[in-house]
Amino acid sequence: METVRVAYRDDDRTPVIYCIKEIAARHYGVNVEALRIKDYGEFEAALFNDSADVLIDHVEFLYTEATKGKKITFFCAPRIVRGLDLVVPKRVESVNEFVGKSMAVRDSGRPHAVTLWLRMMGLEGKVAVPIFKDADVGRWGQWKKVISGECIACFMDPLYLASALNAGLKVLPVPDLEVISHYAQACNSEFARKKSVALKNYVKSVIHGICWMKHRKQEAMSIVAGEPMRRMKINAIDEMERHFDAIVGKLQIKPYPTAQAIAATYEIACEEYGAQGINPMALWDVHWVKELDDEGFIDDLIKELT
């Protein structure tokens, strides 16, 4: 059985990773070894020191590595929206009320994306974007700056939304920003070239795993309720199910990127990682996804599981 070592930083990614792992072993002869590498430096070195074969988390820095001559291949994008909720005081009815005020921005998780979203909404330069560190307000705790009145809004991961809602804030429905988001995957180009067959089987596992999560929820939950639930430190199965639903709702079964999502992600990489000077399209190779799509693999899979 071929082994593919998949590295990630955040245990919130494990429901998807462990479903891919299960499907890979059951159907495609691939042993997915899930490697949590929390340290930023070690994680960013993993593709280049043979610690991992694939990264599935925090991949924007790879554009900068490409400017240094590193050969990178992005090969699938299961989520192409930020997938965050905008929380505001209950009195706020429109983003037009943001003008002249501030949005609380998280220090990690691509803060420049907030500027891109404001640009999309016609509000760039009209709303201040002060950054507040998780270390100071708690993980995804920027909502506290909205409660205090310092800011009018902030984006939150749905997995961490309950505290903000319980404190009296609400979700304001707004258009989402197209961006290469969680679960985008990349490998060293040498691995892609030398292990192309194994990588195609791994991509089959990714697509099948996502389809399984979307259309066979209870089967997938039997996996998620094991190691992922333990790693996420969740004790109640109903809470884990809410997390599962929040994750799955933003996944796409045909994991193609879009030009708009790539452009937004590249701008983030330039602003936050100094990745200027490359053509970001040159790093993408989705021929494995396209082959499977053209062969009818994905459509047949959807029919089988629905």
C-alpha atoms as a PDB file:
ATOM      1  CA  MET A   1       0.000   0.000   0.000  1.00  0.00           C
ATOM      2  CA  GLU A   2       1.385   3.390  -1.026  1.00  0.00           C
ATOM      3  CA  THR A   3       1.801   5.882   1.824  1.00  0.00           C
ATOM      4  CA  VAL A   4       1.040   9.595   1.435  1.00  0.00           C
ATOM      5  CA  ARG A   5       2.094  11.734   4.407  1.00  0.00           C
ATOM      6  CA  VAL A   6      -0.358  14.621   4.812  1.00  0.00           C
ATOM      7  CA  ALA A   7       0.701  17.447   7.118  1.00  0.00           C
ATOM      8  CA  TYR A   8      -1.591  19.932   8.819  1.00  0.00           C
ATOM      9  CA  ARG A   9      -1.347  22.452  11.679  1.00  0.00           C
ATOM     10  CA  ASP A  10      -4.834  22.786  13.113  1.00  0.00           C
ATOM     11  CA  ASP A  11      -6.832  19.887  14.559  1.00  0.00           C
ATOM     12  CA  ASP A  12      -9.998  21.534  13.222  1.00  0.00           C
ATOM     13  CA  ARG A  13      -8.929  20.045   9.863  1.00  0.00           C
ATOM     14  CA  THR A  14      -9.031  16.452  11.141  1.00  0.00           C
ATOM     15  CA  PRO A  15     -12.668  15.607  10.276  1.00  0.00           C
ATOM     16  CA  VAL A  16     -11.869  16.032   6.582  1.00  0.00           C
ATOM     17  CA  ILE A  17      -8.400  14.495   6.810  1.00  0.00           C
ATOM     18  CA  TYR A  18      -9.575  11.377   8.647  1.00  0.00           C
ATOM     19  CA  CYS A  19     -12.469  10.823   6.244  1.00  0.00           C
ATOM     20  CA  ILE A  20     -10.008  11.031   3.353  1.00  0.00           C
ATOM     21  CA  LYS A  21      -7.735   8.633   5.245  1.00  0.00           C
ATOM     22  CA  GLU A  22     -10.561   6.116   5.753  1.00  0.00           C
ATOM     23  CA  ILE A  23     -11.697   6.210   2.129  1.00  0.00           C
ATOM     24  CA  ALA A  24      -8.111   5.993   0.844  1.00  0.00           C
ATOM     25  CA  ALA A  25      -7.473   2.782   2.782  1.00  0.00           C
ATOM     26  CA  ARG A  26     -10.851   1.208   1.963  1.00  0.00           C
ATOM     27  CA  HIS A  27     -10.968   1.890  -1.750  1.00  0.00           C
ATOM     28  CA  TYR A  28      -7.717   3.110  -3.295  1.00  0.00           C
ATOM     29  CA  GLY A  29      -4.805   1.294  -1.701  1.00  0.00           C
ATOM     30  CA  VAL A  30      -3.385   4.442  -0.130  1.00  0.00           C
ATOM     31  CA  ASN A  31      -2.247   4.761   3.468  1.00  0.00           C
ATOM     32  CA  VAL A  32      -2.789   8.404   4.423  1.00  0.00           C
ATOM     33  CA  GLU A  33      -0.527   9.254   7.325  1.00  0.00           C
ATOM     34  CA  ALA A  34      -1.937  12.325   9.082  1.00  0.00           C
ATOM     35  CA  LEU A  35       0.873  14.430  10.559  1.00  0.00           C
ATOM     36  CA  ARG A  36       0.150  17.356  12.839  1.00  0.00           C
ATOM     37  CA  ILE A  37       3.055  19.820  12.689  1.00  0.00           C
ATOM     38  CA  LYS A  38       2.089  22.731  14.910  1.00  0.00           C
ATOM     39  CA  ASP A  39       5.296  24.772  14.743  1.00  0.00           C
ATOM     40  CA  TYR A  40       5.120  27.204  11.825  1.00  0.00           C
ATOM     41  CA  GLY A  41       8.780  26.831  10.883  1.00  0.00           C
ATOM     42  CA  GLU A  42       8.705  23.043  10.923  1.00  0.00           C
ATOM     43  CA  PHE A  43       5.453  22.964   8.990  1.00  0.00           C
ATOM     44  CA  GLU A  44       6.722  25.305   6.306  1.00  0.00           C
ATOM     45  CA  ALA A  45       9.866  23.213   5.897  1.00  0.00           C
ATOM     46  CA  ALA A  46       8.007  19.891   5.705  1.00  0.00           C
ATOM     47  CA  LEU A  47       7.747  19.584   1.912  1.00  0.00           C
ATOM     48  CA  PHE A  48      11.425  20.401   1.479  1.00  0.00           C
ATOM     49  CA  ASN A  49      13.058  18.268   4.178  1.00  0.00           C
ATOM     50  CA  ASP A  50      11.071  15.087   3.423  1.00  0.00           C
ATOM     51  CA  SER A  51       8.894  15.357   6.549  1.00  0.00           C
ATOM     52  CA  ALA A  52       5.654  15.304   4.518  1.00  0.00           C
ATOM     53  CA  ASP A  53       4.411  14.657   0.992  1.00  0.00           C
ATOM     54  CA  VAL A  54       1.314  16.880   0.978  1.00  0.00           C
ATOM     55  CA  LEU A  55       0.249  19.996   2.878  1.00  0.00           C
ATOM     56  CA  ILE A  56      -3.477  20.510   3.491  1.00  0.00           C
ATOM     57  CA  ASP A  57      -3.380  23.628   5.668  1.00  0.00           C
ATOM     58  CA  HIS A  58      -1.770  27.093   5.642  1.00  0.00           C
ATOM     59  CA  VAL A  59      -0.379  26.910   2.103  1.00  0.00           C
ATOM     60  CA  GLU A  60      -0.122  30.606   1.152  1.00  0.00           C
ATOM     61  CA  PHE A  61       3.553  30.739   2.149  1.00  0.00           C
ATOM     62  CA  LEU A  62       4.326  28.341  -0.715  1.00  0.00           C
ATOM     63  CA  TYR A  63       3.974  31.181  -3.214  1.00  0.00           C
ATOM     64  CA  THR A  64       6.949  32.822  -1.508  1.00  0.00           C
ATOM     65  CA  GLU A  65       8.883  29.559  -1.628  1.00  0.00           C
ATOM     66  CA  ALA A  66       8.245  29.525  -5.382  1.00  0.00           C
ATOM     67  CA  THR A  67       9.881  32.956  -5.694  1.00  0.00           C
ATOM     68  CA  LYS A  68      13.006  31.336  -4.187  1.00  0.00           C
ATOM     69  CA  GLY A  69      13.077  28.666  -6.868  1.00  0.00           C
ATOM     70  CA  LYS A  70      11.241  25.907  -5.005  1.00  0.00           C
ATOM     71  CA  LYS A  71       9.065  23.754  -7.279  1.00  0.00           C
ATOM     72  CA  ILE A  72       5.523  23.617  -5.910  1.00  0.00           C
ATOM     73  CA  THR A  73       2.381  21.939  -7.237  1.00  0.00           C
ATOM     74  CA  PHE A  74      -1.060  22.907  -5.993  1.00  0.00           C
ATOM     75  CA  PHE A  75      -3.396  20.153  -7.144  1.00  0.00           C
ATOM     76  CA  CYS A  76      -6.869  20.587  -5.635  1.00  0.00           C
ATOM     77  CA  ALA A  77      -9.040  23.162  -3.886  1.00  0.00           C
ATOM     78  CA  PRO A  78     -11.948  21.598  -1.988  1.00  0.00           C
ATOM     79  CA  ARG A  79     -13.043  24.975  -0.604  1.00  0.00           C
ATOM     80  CA  ILE A  80     -12.945  28.249  -2.528  1.00  0.00           C
ATOM     81  CA  VAL A  81     -14.717  30.579  -0.116  1.00  0.00           C
ATOM     82  CA  ARG A  82     -13.588  31.905   3.252  1.00  0.00           C
ATOM     83  CA  GLY A  83     -16.601  30.312   4.898  1.00  0.00           C
ATOM     84  CA  LEU A  84     -16.689  32.757   7.810  1.00  0.00           C
ATOM     85  CA  ASP A  85     -19.665  34.444   9.449  1.00  0.00           C
ATOM     86  CA  LEU A  86     -19.840  38.205   9.966  1.00  0.00           C
ATOM     87  CA  VAL A  87     -20.970  39.080  13.491  1.00  0.00           C
ATOM     88  CA  VAL A  88     -22.374  42.487  14.402  1.00  0.00           C
ATOM     89  CA  PRO A  89     -24.477  44.102  17.140  1.00  0.00           C
ATOM     90  CA  LYS A  90     -28.170  43.324  16.799  1.00  0.00           C
ATOM     91  CA  ARG A  91     -28.970  46.920  15.827  1.00  0.00           C
ATOM     92  CA  VAL A  92     -26.823  46.737  12.658  1.00  0.00           C
ATOM     93  CA  GLU A  93     -28.811  45.960   9.503  1.00  0.00           C
ATOM     94  CA  SER A  94     -26.413  46.769   6.641  1.00  0.00           C
ATOM     95  CA  VAL A  95     -22.713  46.911   5.857  1.00  0.00           C
ATOM     96  CA  ASN A  96     -23.304  50.537   4.841  1.00  0.00           C
ATOM     97  CA  GLU A  97     -23.304  51.258   8.578  1.00  0.00           C
ATOM     98  CA  PHE A  98     -19.614  50.224   8.697  1.00  0.00           C
ATOM     99  CA  VAL A  99     -18.418  53.433   7.012  1.00  0.00           C
ATOM    100  CA  GLY A 100     -16.186  55.433   9.332  1.00  0.00           C
ATOM    101  CA  LYS A 101     -16.008  52.601  11.847  1.00  0.00           C
ATOM    102  CA  SER A 102     -13.628  49.682  12.492  1.00  0.00           C
ATOM    103  CA  MET A 103     -13.740  45.934  11.896  1.00  0.00           C
ATOM    104  CA  ALA A 104     -11.826  43.730  14.332  1.00  0.00           C
ATOM    105  CA  VAL A 105      -9.387  41.571  12.374  1.00  0.00           C
ATOM    106  CA  ARG A 106      -7.713  38.389  13.563  1.00  0.00           C
ATOM    107  CA  ASP A 107      -3.922  38.396  13.423  1.00  0.00           C
ATOM    108  CA  SER A 108      -3.660  34.897  11.930  1.00  0.00           C
ATOM    109  CA  GLY A 109      -5.709  33.366   9.157  1.00  0.00           C
ATOM    110  CA  ARG A 110      -4.904  35.829   6.349  1.00  0.00           C
ATOM    111  CA  PRO A 111      -5.939  39.236   7.725  1.00  0.00           C
ATOM    112  CA  HIS A 112      -5.550  40.847   4.272  1.00  0.00           C
ATOM    113  CA  ALA A 113      -8.612  38.857   3.190  1.00  0.00           C
ATOM    114  CA  VAL A 114     -10.728  41.323   5.167  1.00  0.00           C
ATOM    115  CA  THR A 115      -9.397  44.153   2.992  1.00  0.00           C
ATOM    116  CA  LEU A 116     -10.255  42.139  -0.125  1.00  0.00           C
ATOM    117  CA  TRP A 117     -13.769  41.550   1.184  1.00  0.00           C
ATOM    118  CA  LEU A 118     -14.197  45.267   1.923  1.00  0.00           C
ATOM    119  CA  ARG A 119     -13.018  46.005  -1.626  1.00  0.00           C
ATOM    120  CA  MET A 120     -15.620  43.599  -2.995  1.00  0.00           C
ATOM    121  CA  MET A 121     -18.273  45.409  -0.956  1.00  0.00           C
ATOM    122  CA  GLY A 122     -17.091  48.858  -2.096  1.00  0.00           C
ATOM    123  CA  LEU A 123     -15.864  49.724   1.395  1.00  0.00           C
ATOM    124  CA  GLU A 124     -12.078  49.545   1.061  1.00  0.00           C
ATOM    125  CA  GLY A 125     -10.518  52.594   2.674  1.00  0.00           C
ATOM    126  CA  LYS A 126     -13.813  53.518   4.344  1.00  0.00           C
ATOM    127  CA  VAL A 127     -13.522  51.057   7.228  1.00  0.00           C
ATOM    128  CA  ALA A 128     -10.534  50.720   9.559  1.00  0.00           C
ATOM    129  CA  VAL A 129      -9.098  47.217  10.028  1.00  0.00           C
ATOM    130  CA  PRO A 130      -7.240  47.066  13.364  1.00  0.00           C
ATOM    131  CA  ILE A 131      -5.676  43.700  14.143  1.00  0.00           C
ATOM    132  CA  PHE A 132      -6.228  41.984  17.489  1.00  0.00           C
ATOM    133  CA  LYS A 133      -4.153  38.956  18.402  1.00  0.00           C
ATOM    134  CA  ASP A 134      -5.658  35.706  19.590  1.00  0.00           C
ATOM    135  CA  ALA A 135      -3.049  35.830  22.336  1.00  0.00           C
ATOM    136  CA  ASP A 136      -4.787  38.916  23.723  1.00  0.00           C
ATOM    137  CA  VAL A 137      -8.488  38.134  23.156  1.00  0.00           C
ATOM    138  CA  GLY A 138      -8.547  34.327  22.971  1.00  0.00           C
ATOM    139  CA  ARG A 139      -8.888  32.056  19.938  1.00  0.00           C
ATOM    140  CA  TRP A 140     -11.393  33.715  17.584  1.00  0.00           C
ATOM    141  CA  GLY A 141     -12.149  36.169  20.408  1.00  0.00           C
ATOM    142  CA  GLN A 142     -12.146  39.329  18.272  1.00  0.00           C
ATOM    143  CA  TRP A 143     -15.921  39.506  18.821  1.00  0.00           C
ATOM    144  CA  LYS A 144     -15.148  40.928  22.269  1.00  0.00           C
ATOM    145  CA  LYS A 145     -14.067  44.140  20.535  1.00  0.00           C
ATOM    146  CA  VAL A 146     -17.530  44.339  18.983  1.00  0.00           C
ATOM    147  CA  ILE A 147     -19.206  43.859  22.360  1.00  0.00           C
ATOM    148  CA  SER A 148     -16.997  46.597  23.842  1.00  0.00           C
ATOM    149  CA  GLY A 149     -18.023  49.025  21.101  1.00  0.00           C
ATOM    150  CA  GLU A 150     -14.486  49.452  19.743  1.00  0.00           C
ATOM    151  CA  CYS A 151     -15.493  47.802  16.476  1.00  0.00           C
ATOM    152  CA  ILE A 152     -18.709  47.317  14.553  1.00  0.00           C
ATOM    153  CA  ALA A 153     -18.053  43.822  13.206  1.00  0.00           C
ATOM    154  CA  CYS A 154     -15.687  40.903  12.828  1.00  0.00           C
ATOM    155  CA  PHE A 155     -15.537  37.662  10.901  1.00  0.00           C
ATOM    156  CA  MET A 156     -15.682  34.377  12.796  1.00  0.00           C
ATOM    157  CA  ASP A 157     -15.246  30.722  12.037  1.00  0.00           C
ATOM    158  CA  PRO A 158     -18.674  29.078  12.497  1.00  0.00           C
ATOM    159  CA  LEU A 159     -16.985  26.503  14.740  1.00  0.00           C
ATOM    160  CA  TYR A 160     -16.383  29.250  17.318  1.00  0.00           C
ATOM    161  CA  LEU A 161     -19.546  31.295  16.817  1.00  0.00           C
ATOM    162  CA  ALA A 162     -21.549  30.254  19.869  1.00  0.00           C
ATOM    163  CA  SER A 163     -19.765  32.520  22.357  1.00  0.00           C
ATOM    164  CA  ALA A 164     -20.392  35.618  20.244  1.00  0.00           C
ATOM    165  CA  LEU A 165     -24.064  34.799  19.771  1.00  0.00           C
ATOM    166  CA  ASN A 166     -24.507  34.036  23.460  1.00  0.00           C
ATOM    167  CA  ALA A 167     -22.981  37.434  24.239  1.00  0.00           C
ATOM    168  CA  GLY A 168     -25.693  39.175  22.207  1.00  0.00           C
ATOM    169  CA  LEU A 169     -24.242  39.531  18.714  1.00  0.00           C
ATOM    170  CA  LYS A 170     -25.881  38.282  15.521  1.00  0.00           C
ATOM    171  CA  VAL A 171     -24.774  37.015  12.120  1.00  0.00           C
ATOM    172  CA  LEU A 172     -25.250  39.510   9.291  1.00  0.00           C
ATOM    173  CA  PRO A 173     -25.643  37.633   5.974  1.00  0.00           C
ATOM    174  CA  VAL A 174     -23.173  38.971   3.390  1.00  0.00           C
ATOM    175  CA  PRO A 175     -21.571  37.730   0.147  1.00  0.00           C
ATOM    176  CA  ASP A 176     -18.513  35.547   0.680  1.00  0.00           C
ATOM    177  CA  LEU A 177     -15.064  36.194  -0.772  1.00  0.00           C
ATOM    178  CA  GLU A 178     -13.723  33.701  -3.301  1.00  0.00           C
ATOM    179  CA  VAL A 179     -10.329  32.564  -2.103  1.00  0.00           C
ATOM    180  CA  ILE A 180      -8.344  29.337  -1.958  1.00  0.00           C
ATOM    181  CA  SER A 181      -9.316  28.288   1.522  1.00  0.00           C
ATOM    182  CA  HIS A 182      -8.997  25.390   3.976  1.00  0.00           C
ATOM    183  CA  TYR A 183      -8.143  21.948   2.591  1.00  0.00           C
ATOM    184  CA  ALA A 184      -6.367  23.287  -0.489  1.00  0.00           C
ATOM    185  CA  GLN A 185      -3.507  20.884  -1.093  1.00  0.00           C
ATOM    186  CA  ALA A 186       0.017  21.140  -2.413  1.00  0.00           C
ATOM    187  CA  CYS A 187       3.079  18.989  -2.798  1.00  0.00           C
ATOM    188  CA  ASN A 188       6.640  19.198  -3.982  1.00  0.00           C
ATOM    189  CA  SER A 189       6.642  19.041  -7.789  1.00  0.00           C
ATOM    190  CA  GLU A 190       9.152  16.199  -7.729  1.00  0.00           C
ATOM    191  CA  PHE A 191       6.699  14.133  -5.681  1.00  0.00           C
ATOM    192  CA  ALA A 192       3.927  14.958  -8.173  1.00  0.00           C
ATOM    193  CA  ARG A 193       6.137  13.883 -11.056  1.00  0.00           C
ATOM    194  CA  LYS A 194       7.576  10.696  -9.546  1.00  0.00           C
ATOM    195  CA  LYS A 195       4.440   9.576  -7.711  1.00  0.00           C
ATOM    196  CA  SER A 196       1.792  10.636 -10.213  1.00  0.00           C
ATOM    197  CA  VAL A 197      -0.174   7.373  -9.979  1.00  0.00           C
ATOM    198  CA  ALA A 198      -0.199   7.475  -6.189  1.00  0.00           C
ATOM    199  CA  LEU A 199      -1.198  11.133  -6.280  1.00  0.00           C
ATOM    200  CA  LYS A 200      -4.100  10.386  -8.621  1.00  0.00           C
ATOM    201  CA  ASN A 201      -5.300   7.697  -6.216  1.00  0.00           C
ATOM    202  CA  TYR A 202      -4.930  10.163  -3.377  1.00  0.00           C
ATOM    203  CA  VAL A 203      -6.992  12.758  -5.300  1.00  0.00           C
ATOM    204  CA  LYS A 204      -9.631  10.054  -5.810  1.00  0.00           C
ATOM    205  CA  SER A 205      -9.620   9.626  -2.040  1.00  0.00           C
ATOM    206  CA  VAL A 206     -10.033  13.365  -1.468  1.00  0.00           C
ATOM    207  CA  ILE A 207     -12.986  13.612  -3.843  1.00  0.00           C
ATOM    208  CA  HIS A 208     -14.587  10.401  -2.562  1.00  0.00           C
ATOM    209  CA  GLY A 209     -14.034  11.466   1.048  1.00  0.00           C
ATOM    210  CA  ILE A 210     -15.748  14.819   0.504  1.00  0.00           C
ATOM    211  CA  CYS A 211     -18.616  13.199  -1.390  1.00  0.00           C
ATOM    212  CA  TRP A 212     -18.977  10.660   1.433  1.00  0.00           C
ATOM    213  CA  MET A 213     -19.123  13.437   4.035  1.00  0.00           C
ATOM    214  CA  LYS A 214     -21.753  15.285   2.038  1.00  0.00           C
ATOM    215  CA  HIS A 215     -23.993  12.357   1.119  1.00  0.00           C
ATOM    216  CA  ARG A 216     -23.370   9.662   3.761  1.00  0.00           C
ATOM    217  CA  LYS A 217     -23.256  11.814   6.862  1.00  0.00           C
ATOM    218  CA  GLN A 218     -23.858   9.118   9.470  1.00  0.00           C
ATOM    219  CA  GLU A 219     -21.212   6.826   7.984  1.00  0.00           C
ATOM    220  CA  ALA A 220     -18.696   9.659   7.906  1.00  0.00           C
ATOM    221  CA  MET A 221     -19.652  10.749  11.412  1.00  0.00           C
ATOM    222  CA  SER A 222     -18.671   7.298  12.682  1.00  0.00           C
ATOM    223  CA  ILE A 223     -15.095   8.211  11.727  1.00  0.00           C
ATOM    224  CA  VAL A 224     -15.285  11.835  12.843  1.00  0.00           C
ATOM    225  CA  ALA A 225     -16.592  10.801  16.269  1.00  0.00           C
ATOM    226  CA  GLY A 226     -13.328   8.937  16.872  1.00  0.00           C
ATOM    227  CA  GLU A 227      -9.865  10.451  16.571  1.00  0.00           C
ATOM    228  CA  PRO A 228     -10.958  13.835  15.114  1.00  0.00           C
ATOM    229  CA  MET A 229     -13.393  14.430  17.974  1.00  0.00           C
ATOM    230  CA  ARG A 230     -10.700  13.524  20.491  1.00  0.00           C
ATOM    231  CA  ARG A 231      -8.136  15.785  18.845  1.00  0.00           C
ATOM    232  CA  MET A 232     -10.610  18.680  18.705  1.00  0.00           C
ATOM    233  CA  LYS A 233     -11.308  18.167  22.430  1.00  0.00           C
ATOM    234  CA  ILE A 234     -15.057  17.921  21.888  1.00  0.00           C
ATOM    235  CA  ASN A 235     -16.998  15.827  24.379  1.00  0.00           C
ATOM    236  CA  ALA A 236     -20.594  15.956  23.113  1.00  0.00           C
ATOM    237  CA  ILE A 237     -21.586  14.221  19.885  1.00  0.00           C
ATOM    238  CA  ASP A 238     -24.211  16.864  19.067  1.00  0.00           C
ATOM    239  CA  GLU A 239     -21.522  19.560  19.225  1.00  0.00           C
ATOM    240  CA  MET A 240     -19.298  17.468  16.964  1.00  0.00           C
ATOM    241  CA  GLU A 241     -22.191  17.107  14.541  1.00  0.00           C
ATOM    242  CA  ARG A 242     -22.626  20.888  14.404  1.00  0.00           C
ATOM    243  CA  HIS A 243     -18.932  21.241  13.620  1.00  0.00           C
ATOM    244  CA  PHE A 244     -19.233  18.550  10.947  1.00  0.00           C
ATOM    245  CA  ASP A 245     -22.148  20.356   9.283  1.00  0.00           C
ATOM    246  CA  ALA A 246     -20.302  23.686   9.337  1.00  0.00           C
ATOM    247  CA  ILE A 247     -17.253  22.125   7.681  1.00  0.00           C
ATOM    248  CA  VAL A 248     -19.090  20.078   5.059  1.00  0.00           C
ATOM    249  CA  GLY A 249     -21.389  22.891   3.976  1.00  0.00           C
ATOM    250  CA  LYS A 250     -18.519  24.801   2.336  1.00  0.00           C
ATOM    251  CA  LEU A 251     -16.798  21.892   0.583  1.00  0.00           C
ATOM    252  CA  GLN A 252     -17.065  21.298  -3.169  1.00  0.00           C
ATOM    253  CA  ILE A 253     -16.978  17.777  -4.571  1.00  0.00           C
ATOM    254  CA  LYS A 254     -15.243  18.865  -7.777  1.00  0.00           C
ATOM    255  CA  PRO A 255     -12.215  20.584  -6.221  1.00  0.00           C
ATOM    256  CA  TYR A 256     -11.286  23.000  -8.988  1.00  0.00           C
ATOM    257  CA  PRO A 257      -9.924  26.420  -8.067  1.00  0.00           C
ATOM    258  CA  THR A 258     -11.244  29.517  -9.825  1.00  0.00           C
ATOM    259  CA  ALA A 259      -9.156  32.276 -11.367  1.00  0.00           C
ATOM    260  CA  GLN A 260     -10.728  34.757  -8.959  1.00  0.00           C
ATOM    261  CA  ALA A 261      -9.900  32.606  -5.939  1.00  0.00           C
ATOM    262  CA  ILE A 262      -6.297  32.143  -7.106  1.00  0.00           C
ATOM    263  CA  ALA A 263      -5.919  35.884  -7.734  1.00  0.00           C
ATOM    264  CA  ALA A 264      -7.239  36.751  -4.269  1.00  0.00           C
ATOM    265  CA  THR A 265      -4.988  34.196  -2.596  1.00  0.00           C
ATOM    266  CA  TYR A 266      -1.970  35.425  -4.517  1.00  0.00           C
ATOM    267  CA  GLU A 267      -2.639  39.004  -3.444  1.00  0.00           C
ATOM    268  CA  ILE A 268      -2.790  37.788   0.156  1.00  0.00           C
ATOM    269  CA  ALA A 269       0.505  35.951  -0.362  1.00  0.00           C
ATOM    270  CA  CYS A 270       2.081  39.115  -1.766  1.00  0.00           C
ATOM    271  CA  GLU A 271       0.820  41.305   1.069  1.00  0.00           C
ATOM    272  CA  GLU A 272       1.573  38.904   3.899  1.00  0.00           C
ATOM    273  CA  TYR A 273       4.471  36.796   2.596  1.00  0.00           C
ATOM    274  CA  GLY A 274       6.222  38.940  -0.013  1.00  0.00           C
ATOM    275  CA  ALA A 275       5.436  36.618  -2.912  1.00  0.00           C
ATOM    276  CA  GLN A 276       5.622  39.206  -5.700  1.00  0.00           C
ATOM    277  CA  GLY A 277       7.174  38.324  -9.022  1.00  0.00           C
ATOM    278  CA  ILE A 278       5.656  34.991 -10.066  1.00  0.00           C
ATOM    279  CA  ASN A 279       2.688  33.863 -12.132  1.00  0.00           C
ATOM    280  CA  PRO A 280       0.485  32.087  -9.560  1.00  0.00           C
ATOM    281  CA  MET A 281      -1.197  30.017 -12.266  1.00  0.00           C
ATOM    282  CA  ALA A 282       2.136  28.322 -12.948  1.00  0.00           C
ATOM    283  CA  LEU A 283       1.946  26.603  -9.552  1.00  0.00           C
ATOM    284  CA  TRP A 284      -1.406  24.939 -10.251  1.00  0.00           C
ATOM    285  CA  ASP A 285      -1.821  21.537 -11.900  1.00  0.00           C
ATOM    286  CA  VAL A 286      -5.351  20.136 -11.690  1.00  0.00           C
ATOM    287  CA  HIS A 287      -4.964  17.527 -14.400  1.00  0.00           C
ATOM    288  CA  TRP A 288      -5.612  14.710 -11.896  1.00  0.00           C
ATOM    289  CA  VAL A 289      -8.978  16.278 -10.998  1.00  0.00           C
ATOM    290  CA  LYS A 290      -9.744  16.954 -14.674  1.00  0.00           C
ATOM    291  CA  GLU A 291      -8.938  13.375 -15.702  1.00  0.00           C
ATOM    292  CA  LEU A 292     -11.207  11.983 -13.011  1.00  0.00           C
ATOM    293  CA  ASP A 293     -13.933  14.432 -13.983  1.00  0.00           C
ATOM    294  CA  ASP A 294     -13.640  13.653 -17.697  1.00  0.00           C
ATOM    295  CA  GLU A 295     -13.594   9.901 -17.008  1.00  0.00           C
ATOM    296  CA  GLY A 296     -16.934  10.203 -15.225  1.00  0.00           C
ATOM    297  CA  PHE A 297     -15.447   9.151 -11.899  1.00  0.00           C
ATOM    298  CA  ILE A 298     -16.896  12.104  -9.959  1.00  0.00           C
ATOM    299  CA  ASP A 299     -20.384  12.019 -11.468  1.00  0.00           C
ATOM    300  CA  ASP A 300     -20.578   8.244 -11.015  1.00  0.00           C
ATOM    301  CA  LEU A 301     -19.493   8.634  -7.399  1.00  0.00           C
ATOM    302  CA  ILE A 302     -22.187  11.228  -6.712  1.00  0.00           C
ATOM    303  CA  LYS A 303     -24.832   8.906  -8.211  1.00  0.00           C
ATOM    304  CA  GLU A 304     -23.565   5.997  -6.140  1.00  0.00           C
ATOM    305  CA  LEU A 305     -23.629   7.863  -2.837  1.00  0.00           C
ATOM    306  CA  THR A 306     -26.907   9.741  -3.276  1.00  0.00           C
END
